[in-house]
C-alpha atoms as a PDB file:
ATOM      1  CA  UNK A   1      -7.245   8.585 -78.145  1.00  0.00           C
ATOM      2  CA  UNK A   2      -3.473   8.193 -78.073  1.00  0.00           C
ATOM      3  CA  UNK A   3      -1.713   6.704 -75.057  1.00  0.00           C
ATOM      4  CA  UNK A   4      -0.832   9.996 -73.380  1.00  0.00           C
ATOM      5  CA  UNK A   5       0.402   9.736 -69.801  1.00  0.00           C
ATOM      6  CA  UNK A   6       0.143  13.294 -68.487  1.00  0.00           C
ATOM      7  CA  UNK A   7      -2.918  15.336 -67.548  1.00  0.00           C
ATOM      8  CA  UNK A   8      -2.245  17.877 -70.287  1.00  0.00           C
ATOM      9  CA  UNK A   9      -1.724  15.269 -72.989  1.00  0.00           C
ATOM     10  CA  UNK A  10      -4.817  13.350 -71.885  1.00  0.00           C
ATOM     11  CA  UNK A  11      -6.941  16.504 -71.911  1.00  0.00           C
ATOM     12  CA  UNK A  12      -5.818  17.401 -75.428  1.00  0.00           C
ATOM     13  CA  UNK A  13      -6.368  13.975 -76.982  1.00  0.00           C
ATOM     14  CA  UNK A  14      -9.549  13.055 -75.080  1.00  0.00           C
ATOM     15  CA  UNK A  15     -11.164  16.442 -75.746  1.00  0.00           C
ATOM     16  CA  UNK A  16     -10.418  16.063 -79.453  1.00  0.00           C
ATOM     17  CA  UNK A  17     -11.929  12.565 -79.489  1.00  0.00           C
ATOM     18  CA  UNK A  18     -15.152  13.768 -77.890  1.00  0.00           C
ATOM     19  CA  UNK A  19     -15.343  16.845 -80.104  1.00  0.00           C
ATOM     20  CA  UNK A  20     -14.989  14.619 -83.166  1.00  0.00           C
ATOM     21  CA  UNK A  21     -17.886  12.544 -81.806  1.00  0.00           C
ATOM     22  CA  UNK A  22     -20.062  15.657 -81.578  1.00  0.00           C
ATOM     23  CA  UNK A  23     -19.999  16.075 -77.787  1.00  0.00           C
ATOM     24  CA  UNK A  24     -20.649  19.775 -77.116  1.00  0.00           C
ATOM     25  CA  UNK A  25     -19.261  19.616 -73.564  1.00  0.00           C
ATOM     26  CA  UNK A  26     -16.116  17.687 -74.531  1.00  0.00           C
ATOM     27  CA  UNK A  27     -13.524  19.571 -72.480  1.00  0.00           C
ATOM     28  CA  UNK A  28     -15.699  19.833 -69.372  1.00  0.00           C
ATOM     29  CA  UNK A  29     -16.556  16.123 -69.546  1.00  0.00           C
ATOM     30  CA  UNK A  30     -12.864  15.227 -69.700  1.00  0.00           C
ATOM     31  CA  UNK A  31     -12.169  17.391 -66.659  1.00  0.00           C
ATOM     32  CA  UNK A  32     -15.023  15.824 -64.685  1.00  0.00           C
ATOM     33  CA  UNK A  33     -13.801  12.301 -65.433  1.00  0.00           C
ATOM     34  CA  UNK A  34     -10.245  13.289 -64.509  1.00  0.00           C
ATOM     35  CA  UNK A  35     -11.481  14.773 -61.222  1.00  0.00           C
ATOM     36  CA  UNK A  36     -13.233  11.500 -60.392  1.00  0.00           C
ATOM     37  CA  UNK A  37     -10.281   9.326 -61.358  1.00  0.00           C
ATOM     38  CA  UNK A  38      -7.447  11.303 -59.769  1.00  0.00           C
ATOM     39  CA  UNK A  39      -9.313  12.776 -56.801  1.00  0.00           C
ATOM     40  CA  UNK A  40      -8.159  16.302 -57.674  1.00  0.00           C
ATOM     41  CA  UNK A  41     -10.331  19.328 -58.439  1.00  0.00           C
ATOM     42  CA  UNK A  42     -10.246  20.941 -61.870  1.00  0.00           C
ATOM     43  CA  UNK A  43      -8.295  24.002 -60.702  1.00  0.00           C
ATOM     44  CA  UNK A  44      -5.475  21.724 -59.544  1.00  0.00           C
ATOM     45  CA  UNK A  45      -5.593  19.664 -62.727  1.00  0.00           C
ATOM     46  CA  UNK A  46      -5.426  22.746 -64.958  1.00  0.00           C
ATOM     47  CA  UNK A  47      -2.523  24.074 -62.928  1.00  0.00           C
ATOM     48  CA  UNK A  48      -0.585  20.774 -63.169  1.00  0.00           C
ATOM     49  CA  UNK A  49      -0.765  19.569 -66.799  1.00  0.00           C
ATOM     50  CA  UNK A  50       2.553  17.754 -66.283  1.00  0.00           C
ATOM     51  CA  UNK A  51       1.061  15.414 -63.640  1.00  0.00           C
ATOM     52  CA  UNK A  52       1.470  11.798 -64.794  1.00  0.00           C
ATOM     53  CA  UNK A  53      -1.497   9.421 -64.969  1.00  0.00           C
ATOM     54  CA  UNK A  54      -0.871   5.823 -63.917  1.00  0.00           C
ATOM     55  CA  UNK A  55      -1.350   3.016 -66.420  1.00  0.00           C
ATOM     56  CA  UNK A  56      -4.392   1.665 -64.589  1.00  0.00           C
ATOM     57  CA  UNK A  57      -6.028   5.090 -64.308  1.00  0.00           C
ATOM     58  CA  UNK A  58      -5.317   5.811 -67.948  1.00  0.00           C
ATOM     59  CA  UNK A  59      -6.944   2.532 -68.977  1.00  0.00           C
ATOM     60  CA  UNK A  60     -10.049   3.368 -66.959  1.00  0.00           C
ATOM     61  CA  UNK A  61     -10.223   6.868 -68.404  1.00  0.00           C
ATOM     62  CA  UNK A  62      -9.763   5.520 -71.925  1.00  0.00           C
ATOM     63  CA  UNK A  63     -12.772   3.239 -71.389  1.00  0.00           C
ATOM     64  CA  UNK A  64     -14.890   6.097 -70.046  1.00  0.00           C
ATOM     65  CA  UNK A  65     -13.989   8.413 -72.923  1.00  0.00           C
ATOM     66  CA  UNK A  66     -14.885   5.674 -75.396  1.00  0.00           C
ATOM     67  CA  UNK A  67     -18.290   5.310 -73.712  1.00  0.00           C
ATOM     68  CA  UNK A  68     -18.879   9.060 -73.716  1.00  0.00           C
ATOM     69  CA  UNK A  69     -18.004   9.183 -77.420  1.00  0.00           C
ATOM     70  CA  UNK A  70     -21.118   7.049 -78.036  1.00  0.00           C
ATOM     71  CA  UNK A  71     -23.122   9.832 -76.314  1.00  0.00           C
ATOM     72  CA  UNK A  72     -23.743   7.732 -73.216  1.00  0.00           C
ATOM     73  CA  UNK A  73     -24.823  10.225 -70.526  1.00  0.00           C
ATOM     74  CA  UNK A  74     -21.968  11.293 -68.285  1.00  0.00           C
ATOM     75  CA  UNK A  75     -24.146  10.443 -65.273  1.00  0.00           C
ATOM     76  CA  UNK A  76     -24.251   6.765 -66.282  1.00  0.00           C
ATOM     77  CA  UNK A  77     -20.503   6.645 -66.796  1.00  0.00           C
ATOM     78  CA  UNK A  78     -19.844   8.276 -63.415  1.00  0.00           C
ATOM     79  CA  UNK A  79     -22.677   6.395 -61.716  1.00  0.00           C
ATOM     80  CA  UNK A  80     -24.019   9.582 -60.159  1.00  0.00           C
ATOM     81  CA  UNK A  81     -25.419  13.033 -60.848  1.00  0.00           C
ATOM     82  CA  UNK A  82     -26.045  16.188 -58.809  1.00  0.00           C
ATOM     83  CA  UNK A  83     -29.619  17.153 -58.017  1.00  0.00           C
ATOM     84  CA  UNK A  84     -30.558  20.082 -55.769  1.00  0.00           C
ATOM     85  CA  UNK A  85     -27.010  20.239 -54.423  1.00  0.00           C
ATOM     86  CA  UNK A  86     -26.754  16.543 -53.534  1.00  0.00           C
ATOM     87  CA  UNK A  87     -25.142  13.604 -55.320  1.00  0.00           C
ATOM     88  CA  UNK A  88     -27.507  10.806 -56.390  1.00  0.00           C
ATOM     89  CA  UNK A  89     -26.537   7.384 -57.693  1.00  0.00           C
ATOM     90  CA  UNK A  90     -28.056   6.505 -61.065  1.00  0.00           C
ATOM     91  CA  UNK A  91     -27.765   3.587 -63.456  1.00  0.00           C
ATOM     92  CA  UNK A  92     -29.184   2.631 -66.847  1.00  0.00           C
ATOM     93  CA  UNK A  93     -32.478   1.561 -65.218  1.00  0.00           C
ATOM     94  CA  UNK A  94     -33.196   5.103 -64.031  1.00  0.00           C
ATOM     95  CA  UNK A  95     -33.759   8.354 -65.864  1.00  0.00           C
ATOM     96  CA  UNK A  96     -30.987  10.909 -65.414  1.00  0.00           C
ATOM     97  CA  UNK A  97     -32.452  13.708 -63.228  1.00  0.00           C
ATOM     98  CA  UNK A  98     -32.814  16.993 -65.121  1.00  0.00           C
ATOM     99  CA  UNK A  99     -32.084  20.469 -63.734  1.00  0.00           C
ATOM    100  CA  UNK A 100     -35.617  21.591 -64.656  1.00  0.00           C
ATOM    101  CA  UNK A 101     -37.040  19.019 -62.233  1.00  0.00           C
ATOM    102  CA  UNK A 102     -35.497  20.929 -59.320  1.00  0.00           C
ATOM    103  CA  UNK A 103     -38.315  23.470 -59.760  1.00  0.00           C
ATOM    104  CA  UNK A 104     -40.733  20.822 -58.480  1.00  0.00           C
ATOM    105  CA  UNK A 105     -38.947  20.893 -55.123  1.00  0.00           C
ATOM    106  CA  UNK A 106     -39.128  24.694 -55.112  1.00  0.00           C
ATOM    107  CA  UNK A 107     -42.898  24.543 -55.644  1.00  0.00           C
ATOM    108  CA  UNK A 108     -43.239  21.966 -52.856  1.00  0.00           C
ATOM    109  CA  UNK A 109     -41.315  24.216 -50.477  1.00  0.00           C
ATOM    110  CA  UNK A 110     -43.588  27.150 -51.338  1.00  0.00           C
ATOM    111  CA  UNK A 111     -46.618  25.237 -50.017  1.00  0.00           C
ATOM    112  CA  UNK A 112     -45.401  25.589 -46.399  1.00  0.00           C
ATOM    113  CA  UNK A 113     -46.348  22.035 -45.462  1.00  0.00           C
ATOM    114  CA  UNK A 114     -46.660  20.813 -41.869  1.00  0.00           C
ATOM    115  CA  UNK A 115     -45.567  17.760 -39.900  1.00  0.00           C
ATOM    116  CA  UNK A 116     -48.891  16.069 -40.571  1.00  0.00           C
ATOM    117  CA  UNK A 117     -48.585  16.441 -44.344  1.00  0.00           C
ATOM    118  CA  UNK A 118     -48.227  13.161 -46.261  1.00  0.00           C
ATOM    119  CA  UNK A 119     -46.469  13.282 -49.631  1.00  0.00           C
ATOM    120  CA  UNK A 120     -46.304  10.632 -52.347  1.00  0.00           C
ATOM    121  CA  UNK A 121     -43.887  10.586 -55.302  1.00  0.00           C
ATOM    122  CA  UNK A 122     -45.278   8.572 -58.234  1.00  0.00           C
ATOM    123  CA  UNK A 123     -42.667   7.032 -60.559  1.00  0.00           C
ATOM    124  CA  UNK A 124     -39.768   7.912 -58.282  1.00  0.00           C
ATOM    125  CA  UNK A 125     -36.922   6.514 -60.437  1.00  0.00           C
ATOM    126  CA  UNK A 126     -33.664   7.296 -58.638  1.00  0.00           C
ATOM    127  CA  UNK A 127     -35.662   8.782 -55.772  1.00  0.00           C
ATOM    128  CA  UNK A 128     -34.166  12.246 -56.263  1.00  0.00           C
ATOM    129  CA  UNK A 129     -37.423  14.195 -55.831  1.00  0.00           C
ATOM    130  CA  UNK A 130     -38.791  12.210 -52.878  1.00  0.00           C
ATOM    131  CA  UNK A 131     -35.455  12.153 -51.063  1.00  0.00           C
ATOM    132  CA  UNK A 132     -34.868  15.860 -51.653  1.00  0.00           C
ATOM    133  CA  UNK A 133     -38.384  16.609 -50.409  1.00  0.00           C
ATOM    134  CA  UNK A 134     -37.755  14.548 -47.270  1.00  0.00           C
ATOM    135  CA  UNK A 135     -34.493  16.379 -46.577  1.00  0.00           C
ATOM    136  CA  UNK A 136     -35.690  19.880 -47.456  1.00  0.00           C
ATOM    137  CA  UNK A 137     -39.077  19.484 -45.734  1.00  0.00           C
ATOM    138  CA  UNK A 138     -38.025  17.514 -42.687  1.00  0.00           C
ATOM    139  CA  UNK A 139     -41.406  17.912 -40.980  1.00  0.00           C
ATOM    140  CA  UNK A 140     -43.296  15.976 -43.664  1.00  0.00           C
ATOM    141  CA  UNK A 141     -44.021  12.266 -44.217  1.00  0.00           C
ATOM    142  CA  UNK A 142     -42.717  11.160 -47.627  1.00  0.00           C
ATOM    143  CA  UNK A 143     -43.420   7.945 -49.548  1.00  0.00           C
ATOM    144  CA  UNK A 144     -42.433   6.996 -53.096  1.00  0.00           C
ATOM    145  CA  UNK A 145     -43.327   4.279 -55.565  1.00  0.00           C
ATOM    146  CA  UNK A 146     -42.259   3.011 -58.967  1.00  0.00           C
ATOM    147  CA  UNK A 147     -43.375   0.281 -61.346  1.00  0.00           C
ATOM    148  CA  UNK A 148     -39.761  -0.924 -61.735  1.00  0.00           C
ATOM    149  CA  UNK A 149     -38.223  -2.661 -58.724  1.00  0.00           C
ATOM    150  CA  UNK A 150     -34.737  -2.021 -60.138  1.00  0.00           C
ATOM    151  CA  UNK A 151     -35.357   1.711 -59.781  1.00  0.00           C
ATOM    152  CA  UNK A 152     -36.580   1.230 -56.228  1.00  0.00           C
ATOM    153  CA  UNK A 153     -33.310  -0.454 -55.294  1.00  0.00           C
ATOM    154  CA  UNK A 154     -31.370   2.571 -56.573  1.00  0.00           C
ATOM    155  CA  UNK A 155     -33.730   4.937 -54.748  1.00  0.00           C
ATOM    156  CA  UNK A 156     -33.432   3.022 -51.480  1.00  0.00           C
ATOM    157  CA  UNK A 157     -29.646   3.120 -51.736  1.00  0.00           C
ATOM    158  CA  UNK A 158     -29.753   6.875 -52.312  1.00  0.00           C
ATOM    159  CA  UNK A 159     -32.013   7.393 -49.305  1.00  0.00           C
ATOM    160  CA  UNK A 160     -29.678   5.382 -47.110  1.00  0.00           C
ATOM    161  CA  UNK A 161     -26.589   7.238 -48.352  1.00  0.00           C
ATOM    162  CA  UNK A 162     -28.167  10.665 -47.870  1.00  0.00           C
ATOM    163  CA  UNK A 163     -29.861   9.867 -44.579  1.00  0.00           C
ATOM    164  CA  UNK A 164     -33.408  10.491 -45.786  1.00  0.00           C
ATOM    165  CA  UNK A 165     -36.448   8.766 -44.332  1.00  0.00           C
ATOM    166  CA  UNK A 166     -38.641   7.752 -47.284  1.00  0.00           C
ATOM    167  CA  UNK A 167     -40.981   4.765 -47.522  1.00  0.00           C
ATOM    168  CA  UNK A 168     -40.579   3.031 -50.904  1.00  0.00           C
ATOM    169  CA  UNK A 169     -42.944   0.504 -52.471  1.00  0.00           C
ATOM    170  CA  UNK A 170     -43.706  -0.973 -55.880  1.00  0.00           C
ATOM    171  CA  UNK A 171     -46.801   0.295 -57.676  1.00  0.00           C
ATOM    172  CA  UNK A 172     -48.110   0.954 -61.179  1.00  0.00           C
ATOM    173  CA  UNK A 173     -49.286   4.536 -60.636  1.00  0.00           C
ATOM    174  CA  UNK A 174     -51.835   4.350 -57.762  1.00  0.00           C
ATOM    175  CA  UNK A 175     -52.817   0.711 -58.141  1.00  0.00           C
ATOM    176  CA  UNK A 176     -50.975  -0.476 -55.015  1.00  0.00           C
ATOM    177  CA  UNK A 177     -51.427   2.735 -53.015  1.00  0.00           C
ATOM    178  CA  UNK A 178     -53.397   2.002 -49.855  1.00  0.00           C
ATOM    179  CA  UNK A 179     -53.007   5.203 -47.811  1.00  0.00           C
ATOM    180  CA  UNK A 180     -54.372   8.684 -48.381  1.00  0.00           C
ATOM    181  CA  UNK A 181     -51.907  11.463 -49.237  1.00  0.00           C
ATOM    182  CA  UNK A 182     -52.181  15.239 -48.984  1.00  0.00           C
ATOM    183  CA  UNK A 183     -49.732  16.002 -51.793  1.00  0.00           C
ATOM    184  CA  UNK A 184     -48.978  13.868 -54.819  1.00  0.00           C
ATOM    185  CA  UNK A 185     -46.161  14.687 -57.214  1.00  0.00           C
ATOM    186  CA  UNK A 186     -45.143  12.947 -60.408  1.00  0.00           C
ATOM    187  CA  UNK A 187     -42.501  13.316 -63.079  1.00  0.00           C
ATOM    188  CA  UNK A 188     -44.036  10.709 -65.374  1.00  0.00           C
ATOM    189  CA  UNK A 189     -42.837   9.914 -68.919  1.00  0.00           C
ATOM    190  CA  UNK A 190     -44.135  12.772 -71.091  1.00  0.00           C
ATOM    191  CA  UNK A 191     -42.102  12.633 -74.312  1.00  0.00           C
ATOM    192  CA  UNK A 192     -44.402  12.028 -77.337  1.00  0.00           C
ATOM    193  CA  UNK A 193     -43.605   8.749 -79.091  1.00  0.00           C
ATOM    194  CA  UNK A 194     -42.567  10.457 -82.343  1.00  0.00           C
ATOM    195  CA  UNK A 195     -40.544  13.221 -80.625  1.00  0.00           C
ATOM    196  CA  UNK A 196     -36.937  13.377 -81.778  1.00  0.00           C
ATOM    197  CA  UNK A 197     -34.741  12.902 -78.713  1.00  0.00           C
ATOM    198  CA  UNK A 198     -31.008  13.595 -78.566  1.00  0.00           C
ATOM    199  CA  UNK A 199     -28.321  10.919 -78.752  1.00  0.00           C
ATOM    200  CA  UNK A 200     -27.738  10.923 -74.979  1.00  0.00           C
ATOM    201  CA  UNK A 201     -31.422  10.319 -74.194  1.00  0.00           C
ATOM    202  CA  UNK A 202     -31.361   7.283 -76.495  1.00  0.00           C
ATOM    203  CA  UNK A 203     -29.287   5.548 -73.808  1.00  0.00           C
ATOM    204  CA  UNK A 204     -31.996   6.117 -71.191  1.00  0.00           C
ATOM    205  CA  UNK A 205     -34.851   3.637 -70.526  1.00  0.00           C
ATOM    206  CA  UNK A 206     -37.718   4.269 -72.954  1.00  0.00           C
ATOM    207  CA  UNK A 207     -40.141   3.243 -70.191  1.00  0.00           C
ATOM    208  CA  UNK A 208     -39.123   6.405 -68.318  1.00  0.00           C
ATOM    209  CA  UNK A 209     -39.280   8.721 -71.349  1.00  0.00           C
ATOM    210  CA  UNK A 210     -42.163   8.089 -73.712  1.00  0.00           C
ATOM    211  CA  UNK A 211     -45.805   8.742 -72.830  1.00  0.00           C
ATOM    212  CA  UNK A 212     -47.842   7.908 -75.932  1.00  0.00           C
ATOM    213  CA  UNK A 213     -48.790   9.828 -79.076  1.00  0.00           C
ATOM    214  CA  UNK A 214     -49.011  13.201 -77.323  1.00  0.00           C
ATOM    215  CA  UNK A 215     -46.881  12.217 -74.331  1.00  0.00           C
ATOM    216  CA  UNK A 216     -49.711  12.502 -71.805  1.00  0.00           C
ATOM    217  CA  UNK A 217     -51.153   8.974 -71.644  1.00  0.00           C
ATOM    218  CA  UNK A 218     -49.753   8.254 -68.197  1.00  0.00           C
ATOM    219  CA  UNK A 219     -51.035  11.553 -66.825  1.00  0.00           C
ATOM    220  CA  UNK A 220     -54.492  10.697 -68.179  1.00  0.00           C
ATOM    221  CA  UNK A 221     -54.323   7.385 -66.334  1.00  0.00           C
ATOM    222  CA  UNK A 222     -53.044   9.046 -63.172  1.00  0.00           C
ATOM    223  CA  UNK A 223     -55.798  11.669 -62.996  1.00  0.00           C
ATOM    224  CA  UNK A 224     -58.389   9.031 -63.853  1.00  0.00           C
ATOM    225  CA  UNK A 225     -57.172   6.964 -60.884  1.00  0.00           C
ATOM    226  CA  UNK A 226     -57.161  10.053 -58.650  1.00  0.00           C
ATOM    227  CA  UNK A 227     -60.730  10.802 -59.720  1.00  0.00           C
ATOM    228  CA  UNK A 228     -61.795   7.364 -58.507  1.00  0.00           C
ATOM    229  CA  UNK A 229     -60.101   7.572 -55.094  1.00  0.00           C
ATOM    230  CA  UNK A 230     -62.175   8.361 -52.013  1.00  0.00           C
ATOM    231  CA  UNK A 231     -59.547  10.537 -50.316  1.00  0.00           C
ATOM    232  CA  UNK A 232     -58.137  12.800 -53.002  1.00  0.00           C
ATOM    233  CA  UNK A 233     -54.879  14.720 -52.416  1.00  0.00           C
ATOM    234  CA  UNK A 234     -55.206  18.467 -51.948  1.00  0.00           C
ATOM    235  CA  UNK A 235     -52.351  19.198 -54.359  1.00  0.00           C
ATOM    236  CA  UNK A 236     -50.928  17.423 -57.419  1.00  0.00           C
ATOM    237  CA  UNK A 237     -47.628  18.516 -58.979  1.00  0.00           C
ATOM    238  CA  UNK A 238     -46.584  17.397 -62.449  1.00  0.00           C
ATOM    239  CA  UNK A 239     -43.724  17.864 -64.874  1.00  0.00           C
ATOM    240  CA  UNK A 240     -44.243  18.063 -68.628  1.00  0.00           C
ATOM    241  CA  UNK A 241     -43.234  20.130 -71.643  1.00  0.00           C
ATOM    242  CA  UNK A 242     -44.581  23.702 -71.478  1.00  0.00           C
ATOM    243  CA  UNK A 243     -46.305  23.049 -74.812  1.00  0.00           C
ATOM    244  CA  UNK A 244     -48.299  20.273 -73.082  1.00  0.00           C
ATOM    245  CA  UNK A 245     -49.480  22.386 -70.165  1.00  0.00           C
ATOM    246  CA  UNK A 246     -52.761  23.529 -71.680  1.00  0.00           C
ATOM    247  CA  UNK A 247     -53.819  19.978 -72.493  1.00  0.00           C
ATOM    248  CA  UNK A 248     -52.646  18.671 -69.106  1.00  0.00           C
ATOM    249  CA  UNK A 249     -54.704  21.375 -67.392  1.00  0.00           C
ATOM    250  CA  UNK A 250     -57.799  20.044 -69.160  1.00  0.00           C
ATOM    251  CA  UNK A 251     -56.906  16.479 -68.133  1.00  0.00           C
ATOM    252  CA  UNK A 252     -56.575  17.586 -64.497  1.00  0.00           C
ATOM    253  CA  UNK A 253     -59.993  19.269 -64.660  1.00  0.00           C
ATOM    254  CA  UNK A 254     -61.613  15.882 -65.367  1.00  0.00           C
ATOM    255  CA  UNK A 255     -60.586  14.916 -61.824  1.00  0.00           C
ATOM    256  CA  UNK A 256     -61.711  18.297 -60.401  1.00  0.00           C
ATOM    257  CA  UNK A 257     -58.242  19.874 -60.158  1.00  0.00           C
ATOM    258  CA  UNK A 258     -57.371  23.408 -61.231  1.00  0.00           C
ATOM    259  CA  UNK A 259     -53.954  24.779 -62.106  1.00  0.00           C
ATOM    260  CA  UNK A 260     -52.894  27.391 -59.546  1.00  0.00           C
ATOM    261  CA  UNK A 261     -49.201  27.851 -60.369  1.00  0.00           C
ATOM    262  CA  UNK A 262     -46.585  27.147 -63.055  1.00  0.00           C
ATOM    263  CA  UNK A 263     -42.804  27.082 -62.712  1.00  0.00           C
ATOM    264  CA  UNK A 264     -41.122  26.269 -66.033  1.00  0.00           C
ATOM    265  CA  UNK A 265     -41.919  22.561 -66.674  1.00  0.00           C
ATOM    266  CA  UNK A 266     -43.809  22.191 -63.378  1.00  0.00           C
ATOM    267  CA  UNK A 267     -47.559  22.634 -62.868  1.00  0.00           C
ATOM    268  CA  UNK A 268     -49.300  22.825 -59.491  1.00  0.00           C
ATOM    269  CA  UNK A 269     -52.929  21.699 -59.338  1.00  0.00           C
ATOM    270  CA  UNK A 270     -55.314  22.112 -56.413  1.00  0.00           C
ATOM    271  CA  UNK A 271     -58.473  20.116 -55.736  1.00  0.00           C
ATOM    272  CA  UNK A 272     -61.793  21.955 -56.128  1.00  0.00           C
END
């Protein structure tokens, strides 16, 4: 990228650099980074291509464009991503929340839960699902756990920033879970080990992506642990590839759960 000092010149050169690197959203990414750096919305930026960029801002933008050219997710570069209309901090220890995961919140809301309902998010990552559930379903009691303490620190920071009351604790699936919960939801790693992921996903933690030969090893472990608990949750919500749903339904049946609803990647199971 050449040392261009106006918005218009930056947009032209940075967009070309990202396009040459194979970034499909090159122009939009440049606009988003400019919005962050200059504190102006994209309509203003497009209307003022002559606006000069300071040397320090240009240097920062140059670094960000160079990172994006390696296919590093834009969320990692910005340090945040939108989920269900709210901004969540993320870093390279957490998976970048996907739009399809928002359907899990929609399914939760359809259950019409009460104040006494206790919810647990397994493998919370950035905390986006648990925190959104706490904010959207203010009458419920939400807890969340993760095997990685670094993720929990990000999740706790997000809860504090967004004003959500969520209890976080470290646990490998249900191993450190001591209370009984009415609803359990989990977006566990479900990508098969030999599945070809895109260049952006290669920057994300493999621990949060891959789930064994068929991608469902962690869900097998989860339902096996549920089967052995004395107080089983009434509902279990999962996220996985639609092509995995039939097999995951059979796995859930081993713990006496039946699929009662599907929303894109999300499955809702109810206890017999």
